[in-house]
Amino acid sequence: MAYKKEDSYSPETTSKLSGFYAEIIDSVGEDKNREGLVKTPERAAKAIQFLTQGYQQDADQILRSAVFKEDYNEMVVVKDIEFYSMCEHHLLPFFGKAHVAYIPNGYVVGLSKIPRVIDVFARRMQVQERLTHEILHAIDDALKPLGVAVVIEAAHMCMMMRGVQKQNSTTTTSAFTGDFRNIETRNEFLSLIASRFK
């Protein structure tokens, strides 16, 4: 099953969104015709389409495009995967690192597909808790492994720039299936993502 990543912008959607952004600029008291802002509505329209492109992508298709039969049943860990998402409550970014592991059950997946799947769900209007579970279930459904583990650590601009304005706070979420519900297996995973190779 072929998978091809493309960045494209709908002219109709771009035009519609540009109008909304022009109204926002007016509404906050700025001059949308000022030199520095003339092209801002169009740029913002394209940016929001890029930041929400996950709605047009299929995580299952991405994973199944690179599944290989392999007699390997030890833990596979991909850690420190950077991601950027949009808080659905304030439309402000949250960003950080995701750590993912699975225990194969006859099949492995191309390693690059795991970060791609994270981007599919991160490039949507999100909350961190749902993002964690969506990544977990996509991998679990596509590979049917012996277990999946996902840990996400993120900083939220809605907490840093507004509201409580706590610049050094981070949020950690986790989810586990199968063998990762066993405390020893879970602790092995947590130890691996905490370690730093020199």
C-alpha atoms as a PDB file:
ATOM      1  CA  MET A   1       0.000   0.000   0.000  1.00  0.00           C
ATOM      2  CA  ALA A   2       1.665   3.217  -1.147  1.00  0.00           C
ATOM      3  CA  TYR A   3       1.790   6.270   1.059  1.00  0.00           C
ATOM      4  CA  LYS A   4       2.821   9.704  -0.178  1.00  0.00           C
ATOM      5  CA  LYS A   5       3.077  12.795   2.000  1.00  0.00           C
ATOM      6  CA  GLU A   6       2.001  16.050   0.364  1.00  0.00           C
ATOM      7  CA  ASP A   7       1.557  19.594   1.608  1.00  0.00           C
ATOM      8  CA  SER A   8      -1.168  21.369  -0.340  1.00  0.00           C
ATOM      9  CA  TYR A   9      -3.479  24.281   0.243  1.00  0.00           C
ATOM     10  CA  SER A  10      -7.011  24.543  -1.062  1.00  0.00           C
ATOM     11  CA  PRO A  11      -7.433  27.894  -2.841  1.00  0.00           C
ATOM     12  CA  GLU A  12     -11.068  28.073  -1.691  1.00  0.00           C
ATOM     13  CA  THR A  13     -10.204  27.311   1.934  1.00  0.00           C
ATOM     14  CA  THR A  14      -7.244  29.698   1.851  1.00  0.00           C
ATOM     15  CA  SER A  15      -9.438  32.506   0.532  1.00  0.00           C
ATOM     16  CA  LYS A  16     -12.149  31.872   3.128  1.00  0.00           C
ATOM     17  CA  LEU A  17      -9.709  31.666   6.035  1.00  0.00           C
ATOM     18  CA  SER A  18      -7.846  34.769   4.817  1.00  0.00           C
ATOM     19  CA  GLY A  19     -11.081  36.726   5.151  1.00  0.00           C
ATOM     20  CA  PHE A  20     -11.545  35.519   8.717  1.00  0.00           C
ATOM     21  CA  TYR A  21      -7.974  36.444   9.664  1.00  0.00           C
ATOM     22  CA  ALA A  22      -8.398  39.901   8.108  1.00  0.00           C
ATOM     23  CA  GLU A  23     -11.470  40.400  10.311  1.00  0.00           C
ATOM     24  CA  ILE A  24      -9.512  39.292  13.382  1.00  0.00           C
ATOM     25  CA  ILE A  25      -6.757  41.806  12.621  1.00  0.00           C
ATOM     26  CA  ASP A  26      -9.384  44.550  12.285  1.00  0.00           C
ATOM     27  CA  SER A  27     -11.171  43.443  15.446  1.00  0.00           C
ATOM     28  CA  VAL A  28      -8.070  43.686  17.651  1.00  0.00           C
ATOM     29  CA  GLY A  29      -7.496  47.263  16.501  1.00  0.00           C
ATOM     30  CA  GLU A  30      -4.812  46.831  13.836  1.00  0.00           C
ATOM     31  CA  ASP A  31      -4.760  48.054  10.252  1.00  0.00           C
ATOM     32  CA  LYS A  32      -4.872  45.034   7.927  1.00  0.00           C
ATOM     33  CA  ASN A  33      -3.649  47.281   5.099  1.00  0.00           C
ATOM     34  CA  ARG A  34      -0.446  48.213   6.915  1.00  0.00           C
ATOM     35  CA  GLU A  35       2.611  47.046   4.938  1.00  0.00           C
ATOM     36  CA  GLY A  36       3.649  44.389   7.447  1.00  0.00           C
ATOM     37  CA  LEU A  37       0.134  42.941   7.644  1.00  0.00           C
ATOM     38  CA  VAL A  38      -1.051  42.999   4.014  1.00  0.00           C
ATOM     39  CA  LYS A  39      -0.086  39.364   3.403  1.00  0.00           C
ATOM     40  CA  THR A  40      -0.626  38.156   6.964  1.00  0.00           C
ATOM     41  CA  PRO A  41      -4.185  36.836   6.427  1.00  0.00           C
ATOM     42  CA  GLU A  42      -3.067  34.599   3.567  1.00  0.00           C
ATOM     43  CA  ARG A  43       0.055  33.449   5.424  1.00  0.00           C
ATOM     44  CA  ALA A  44      -2.028  32.663   8.526  1.00  0.00           C
ATOM     45  CA  ALA A  45      -4.586  30.811   6.396  1.00  0.00           C
ATOM     46  CA  LYS A  46      -1.884  28.572   4.945  1.00  0.00           C
ATOM     47  CA  ALA A  47      -0.268  28.107   8.348  1.00  0.00           C
ATOM     48  CA  ILE A  48      -3.485  26.887   9.997  1.00  0.00           C
ATOM     49  CA  GLN A  49      -4.052  24.451   7.125  1.00  0.00           C
ATOM     50  CA  PHE A  50      -0.547  23.068   7.637  1.00  0.00           C
ATOM     51  CA  LEU A  51      -1.013  22.854  11.398  1.00  0.00           C
ATOM     52  CA  THR A  52      -4.258  20.901  10.988  1.00  0.00           C
ATOM     53  CA  GLN A  53      -3.289  18.715   8.023  1.00  0.00           C
ATOM     54  CA  GLY A  54      -3.707  15.631  10.196  1.00  0.00           C
ATOM     55  CA  TYR A  55      -7.434  15.689   9.439  1.00  0.00           C
ATOM     56  CA  GLN A  56      -6.603  14.733   5.834  1.00  0.00           C
ATOM     57  CA  GLN A  57      -4.182  11.933   6.772  1.00  0.00           C
ATOM     58  CA  ASP A  58      -4.806   8.294   7.669  1.00  0.00           C
ATOM     59  CA  ALA A  59      -2.631   6.859  10.447  1.00  0.00           C
ATOM     60  CA  ASP A  60      -3.702   3.294   9.704  1.00  0.00           C
ATOM     61  CA  GLN A  61      -2.691   3.623   6.045  1.00  0.00           C
ATOM     62  CA  ILE A  62       0.691   5.046   7.028  1.00  0.00           C
ATOM     63  CA  LEU A  63       1.412   2.181   9.404  1.00  0.00           C
ATOM     64  CA  ARG A  64       0.180  -0.578   7.086  1.00  0.00           C
ATOM     65  CA  SER A  65       2.317   0.777   4.229  1.00  0.00           C
ATOM     66  CA  ALA A  66       5.453  -0.493   5.977  1.00  0.00           C
ATOM     67  CA  VAL A  67       4.572  -3.606   7.994  1.00  0.00           C
ATOM     68  CA  PHE A  68       7.050  -6.484   7.708  1.00  0.00           C
ATOM     69  CA  LYS A  69       6.885 -10.052   8.958  1.00  0.00           C
ATOM     70  CA  GLU A  70       9.722 -10.531  11.433  1.00  0.00           C
ATOM     71  CA  ASP A  71      10.507 -13.086  14.124  1.00  0.00           C
ATOM     72  CA  TYR A  72      11.330 -10.529  16.805  1.00  0.00           C
ATOM     73  CA  ASN A  73       9.397 -10.247  20.046  1.00  0.00           C
ATOM     74  CA  GLU A  74      11.466  -7.913  22.208  1.00  0.00           C
ATOM     75  CA  MET A  75      10.630  -4.300  22.973  1.00  0.00           C
ATOM     76  CA  VAL A  76      11.041  -1.713  20.206  1.00  0.00           C
ATOM     77  CA  VAL A  77      11.384   1.840  21.555  1.00  0.00           C
ATOM     78  CA  VAL A  78      11.356   5.092  19.588  1.00  0.00           C
ATOM     79  CA  LYS A  79      11.890   7.992  21.957  1.00  0.00           C
ATOM     80  CA  ASP A  80      12.367  11.760  22.006  1.00  0.00           C
ATOM     81  CA  ILE A  81      10.096  12.285  18.988  1.00  0.00           C
ATOM     82  CA  GLU A  82       9.412  16.007  18.833  1.00  0.00           C
ATOM     83  CA  PHE A  83       5.887  17.094  18.010  1.00  0.00           C
ATOM     84  CA  TYR A  84       3.845  20.296  17.768  1.00  0.00           C
ATOM     85  CA  SER A  85       0.102  20.497  18.258  1.00  0.00           C
ATOM     86  CA  MET A  86      -2.705  22.995  18.838  1.00  0.00           C
ATOM     87  CA  CYS A  87      -4.670  23.179  22.077  1.00  0.00           C
ATOM     88  CA  GLU A  88      -8.311  22.979  21.068  1.00  0.00           C
ATOM     89  CA  HIS A  89      -9.399  25.220  23.936  1.00  0.00           C
ATOM     90  CA  HIS A  90      -7.379  28.338  23.036  1.00  0.00           C
ATOM     91  CA  LEU A  91      -5.847  27.517  19.626  1.00  0.00           C
ATOM     92  CA  LEU A  92      -2.392  27.995  21.120  1.00  0.00           C
ATOM     93  CA  PRO A  93       0.477  25.532  20.578  1.00  0.00           C
ATOM     94  CA  PHE A  94       1.587  22.777  22.855  1.00  0.00           C
ATOM     95  CA  PHE A  95       4.743  20.891  22.039  1.00  0.00           C
ATOM     96  CA  GLY A  96       7.224  18.431  23.434  1.00  0.00           C
ATOM     97  CA  LYS A  97       8.416  14.860  23.013  1.00  0.00           C
ATOM     98  CA  ALA A  98       6.652  11.547  22.562  1.00  0.00           C
ATOM     99  CA  HIS A  99       8.099   8.176  23.514  1.00  0.00           C
ATOM    100  CA  VAL A 100       6.580   5.068  21.943  1.00  0.00           C
ATOM    101  CA  ALA A 101       7.273   1.364  22.387  1.00  0.00           C
ATOM    102  CA  TYR A 102       5.680  -1.829  21.178  1.00  0.00           C
ATOM    103  CA  ILE A 103       6.394  -5.543  21.517  1.00  0.00           C
ATOM    104  CA  PRO A 104       6.025  -7.210  18.104  1.00  0.00           C
ATOM    105  CA  ASN A 105       3.791 -10.217  17.621  1.00  0.00           C
ATOM    106  CA  GLY A 106       5.151 -11.467  14.293  1.00  0.00           C
ATOM    107  CA  TYR A 107       5.280  -8.081  12.563  1.00  0.00           C
ATOM    108  CA  VAL A 108       7.366  -4.912  12.820  1.00  0.00           C
ATOM    109  CA  VAL A 109       6.771  -1.500  11.283  1.00  0.00           C
ATOM    110  CA  GLY A 110       9.218   0.822   9.549  1.00  0.00           C
ATOM    111  CA  LEU A 111      10.612   3.079  12.262  1.00  0.00           C
ATOM    112  CA  SER A 112       9.868   6.329  10.398  1.00  0.00           C
ATOM    113  CA  LYS A 113       6.168   5.508  10.409  1.00  0.00           C
ATOM    114  CA  ILE A 114       5.859   5.978  14.166  1.00  0.00           C
ATOM    115  CA  PRO A 115       6.848   9.689  14.082  1.00  0.00           C
ATOM    116  CA  ARG A 116       4.570  10.133  11.063  1.00  0.00           C
ATOM    117  CA  VAL A 117       1.641   8.685  13.004  1.00  0.00           C
ATOM    118  CA  ILE A 118       2.367  11.053  15.876  1.00  0.00           C
ATOM    119  CA  ASP A 119       2.248  13.966  13.423  1.00  0.00           C
ATOM    120  CA  VAL A 120      -1.087  12.776  12.005  1.00  0.00           C
ATOM    121  CA  PHE A 121      -2.752  13.162  15.390  1.00  0.00           C
ATOM    122  CA  ALA A 122      -0.678  16.126  16.591  1.00  0.00           C
ATOM    123  CA  ARG A 123      -1.595  18.157  13.492  1.00  0.00           C
ATOM    124  CA  ARG A 124      -5.166  18.511  14.690  1.00  0.00           C
ATOM    125  CA  MET A 125      -6.943  20.523  17.346  1.00  0.00           C
ATOM    126  CA  GLN A 126      -6.067  18.447  20.366  1.00  0.00           C
ATOM    127  CA  VAL A 127      -5.787  17.819  24.055  1.00  0.00           C
ATOM    128  CA  GLN A 128      -2.728  15.936  25.234  1.00  0.00           C
ATOM    129  CA  GLU A 129      -4.727  13.170  26.879  1.00  0.00           C
ATOM    130  CA  ARG A 130      -6.582  12.298  23.664  1.00  0.00           C
ATOM    131  CA  LEU A 131      -3.404  12.584  21.583  1.00  0.00           C
ATOM    132  CA  THR A 132      -1.746   9.973  23.810  1.00  0.00           C
ATOM    133  CA  HIS A 133      -4.591   7.498  23.373  1.00  0.00           C
ATOM    134  CA  GLU A 134      -4.971   8.063  19.620  1.00  0.00           C
ATOM    135  CA  ILE A 135      -1.304   7.218  19.013  1.00  0.00           C
ATOM    136  CA  LEU A 136      -1.569   4.137  21.233  1.00  0.00           C
ATOM    137  CA  HIS A 137      -4.724   2.787  19.579  1.00  0.00           C
ATOM    138  CA  ALA A 138      -3.470   3.407  16.023  1.00  0.00           C
ATOM    139  CA  ILE A 139      -0.361   1.300  16.625  1.00  0.00           C
ATOM    140  CA  ASP A 140      -2.289  -1.342  18.551  1.00  0.00           C
ATOM    141  CA  ASP A 141      -4.953  -1.673  15.837  1.00  0.00           C
ATOM    142  CA  ALA A 142      -2.548  -1.803  12.888  1.00  0.00           C
ATOM    143  CA  LEU A 143       0.139  -4.125  14.286  1.00  0.00           C
ATOM    144  CA  LYS A 144      -1.752  -6.231  16.856  1.00  0.00           C
ATOM    145  CA  PRO A 145       1.414  -6.323  18.979  1.00  0.00           C
ATOM    146  CA  LEU A 146       1.836  -7.917  22.408  1.00  0.00           C
ATOM    147  CA  GLY A 147       1.689  -4.441  23.897  1.00  0.00           C
ATOM    148  CA  VAL A 148       2.043  -0.719  23.211  1.00  0.00           C
ATOM    149  CA  ALA A 149       3.297   2.096  25.456  1.00  0.00           C
ATOM    150  CA  VAL A 150       3.085   5.842  24.864  1.00  0.00           C
ATOM    151  CA  VAL A 151       4.407   8.642  27.079  1.00  0.00           C
ATOM    152  CA  ILE A 152       4.111  12.310  26.104  1.00  0.00           C
ATOM    153  CA  GLU A 153       5.837  15.238  27.813  1.00  0.00           C
ATOM    154  CA  ALA A 154       4.689  18.674  26.690  1.00  0.00           C
ATOM    155  CA  ALA A 155       4.707  22.384  27.417  1.00  0.00           C
ATOM    156  CA  HIS A 156       1.449  24.251  26.809  1.00  0.00           C
ATOM    157  CA  MET A 157       1.503  27.847  25.623  1.00  0.00           C
ATOM    158  CA  CYS A 158      -2.012  28.343  27.009  1.00  0.00           C
ATOM    159  CA  MET A 159      -0.468  27.888  30.465  1.00  0.00           C
ATOM    160  CA  MET A 160       2.721  29.800  29.686  1.00  0.00           C
ATOM    161  CA  MET A 161       1.488  32.870  27.769  1.00  0.00           C
ATOM    162  CA  ARG A 162      -1.917  33.402  29.394  1.00  0.00           C
ATOM    163  CA  GLY A 163      -3.929  32.117  32.331  1.00  0.00           C
ATOM    164  CA  VAL A 164      -1.641  30.997  35.157  1.00  0.00           C
ATOM    165  CA  GLN A 165       1.496  32.014  33.161  1.00  0.00           C
ATOM    166  CA  LYS A 166       3.719  29.245  34.524  1.00  0.00           C
ATOM    167  CA  GLN A 167       6.629  29.108  32.111  1.00  0.00           C
ATOM    168  CA  ASN A 168       8.396  26.076  33.556  1.00  0.00           C
ATOM    169  CA  SER A 169       5.462  23.693  33.865  1.00  0.00           C
ATOM    170  CA  THR A 170       5.234  20.507  31.815  1.00  0.00           C
ATOM    171  CA  THR A 171       2.494  17.924  31.478  1.00  0.00           C
ATOM    172  CA  THR A 172       3.125  14.173  31.206  1.00  0.00           C
ATOM    173  CA  THR A 173       0.554  11.666  29.992  1.00  0.00           C
ATOM    174  CA  SER A 174       0.899   7.923  29.488  1.00  0.00           C
ATOM    175  CA  ALA A 175      -1.076   4.971  28.166  1.00  0.00           C
ATOM    176  CA  PHE A 176      -0.312   1.238  28.045  1.00  0.00           C
ATOM    177  CA  THR A 177      -1.791  -1.913  26.538  1.00  0.00           C
ATOM    178  CA  GLY A 178      -1.007  -5.629  26.732  1.00  0.00           C
ATOM    179  CA  ASP A 179       2.338  -6.626  28.210  1.00  0.00           C
ATOM    180  CA  PHE A 180       3.042  -3.033  29.243  1.00  0.00           C
ATOM    181  CA  ARG A 181       0.395  -3.387  31.935  1.00  0.00           C
ATOM    182  CA  ASN A 182       2.903  -5.679  33.630  1.00  0.00           C
ATOM    183  CA  ILE A 183       4.861  -3.510  36.067  1.00  0.00           C
ATOM    184  CA  GLU A 184       8.250  -5.032  35.172  1.00  0.00           C
ATOM    185  CA  THR A 185       7.781  -4.450  31.441  1.00  0.00           C
ATOM    186  CA  ARG A 186       6.462  -0.958  32.054  1.00  0.00           C
ATOM    187  CA  ASN A 187       9.421  -0.110  34.290  1.00  0.00           C
ATOM    188  CA  GLU A 188      11.855  -1.371  31.638  1.00  0.00           C
ATOM    189  CA  PHE A 189      10.261   0.983  29.111  1.00  0.00           C
ATOM    190  CA  LEU A 190      10.294   3.926  31.515  1.00  0.00           C
ATOM    191  CA  SER A 191      13.952   3.232  32.313  1.00  0.00           C
ATOM    192  CA  LEU A 192      14.842   3.160  28.603  1.00  0.00           C
ATOM    193  CA  ILE A 193      13.177   6.456  27.802  1.00  0.00           C
ATOM    194  CA  ALA A 194      14.840   8.095  30.809  1.00  0.00           C
ATOM    195  CA  SER A 195      18.345   6.944  29.830  1.00  0.00           C
ATOM    196  CA  ARG A 196      20.689   8.987  27.659  1.00  0.00           C
ATOM    197  CA  PHE A 197      23.244   7.219  25.468  1.00  0.00           C
ATOM    198  CA  LYS A 198      26.666   8.866  25.220  1.00  0.00           C
END
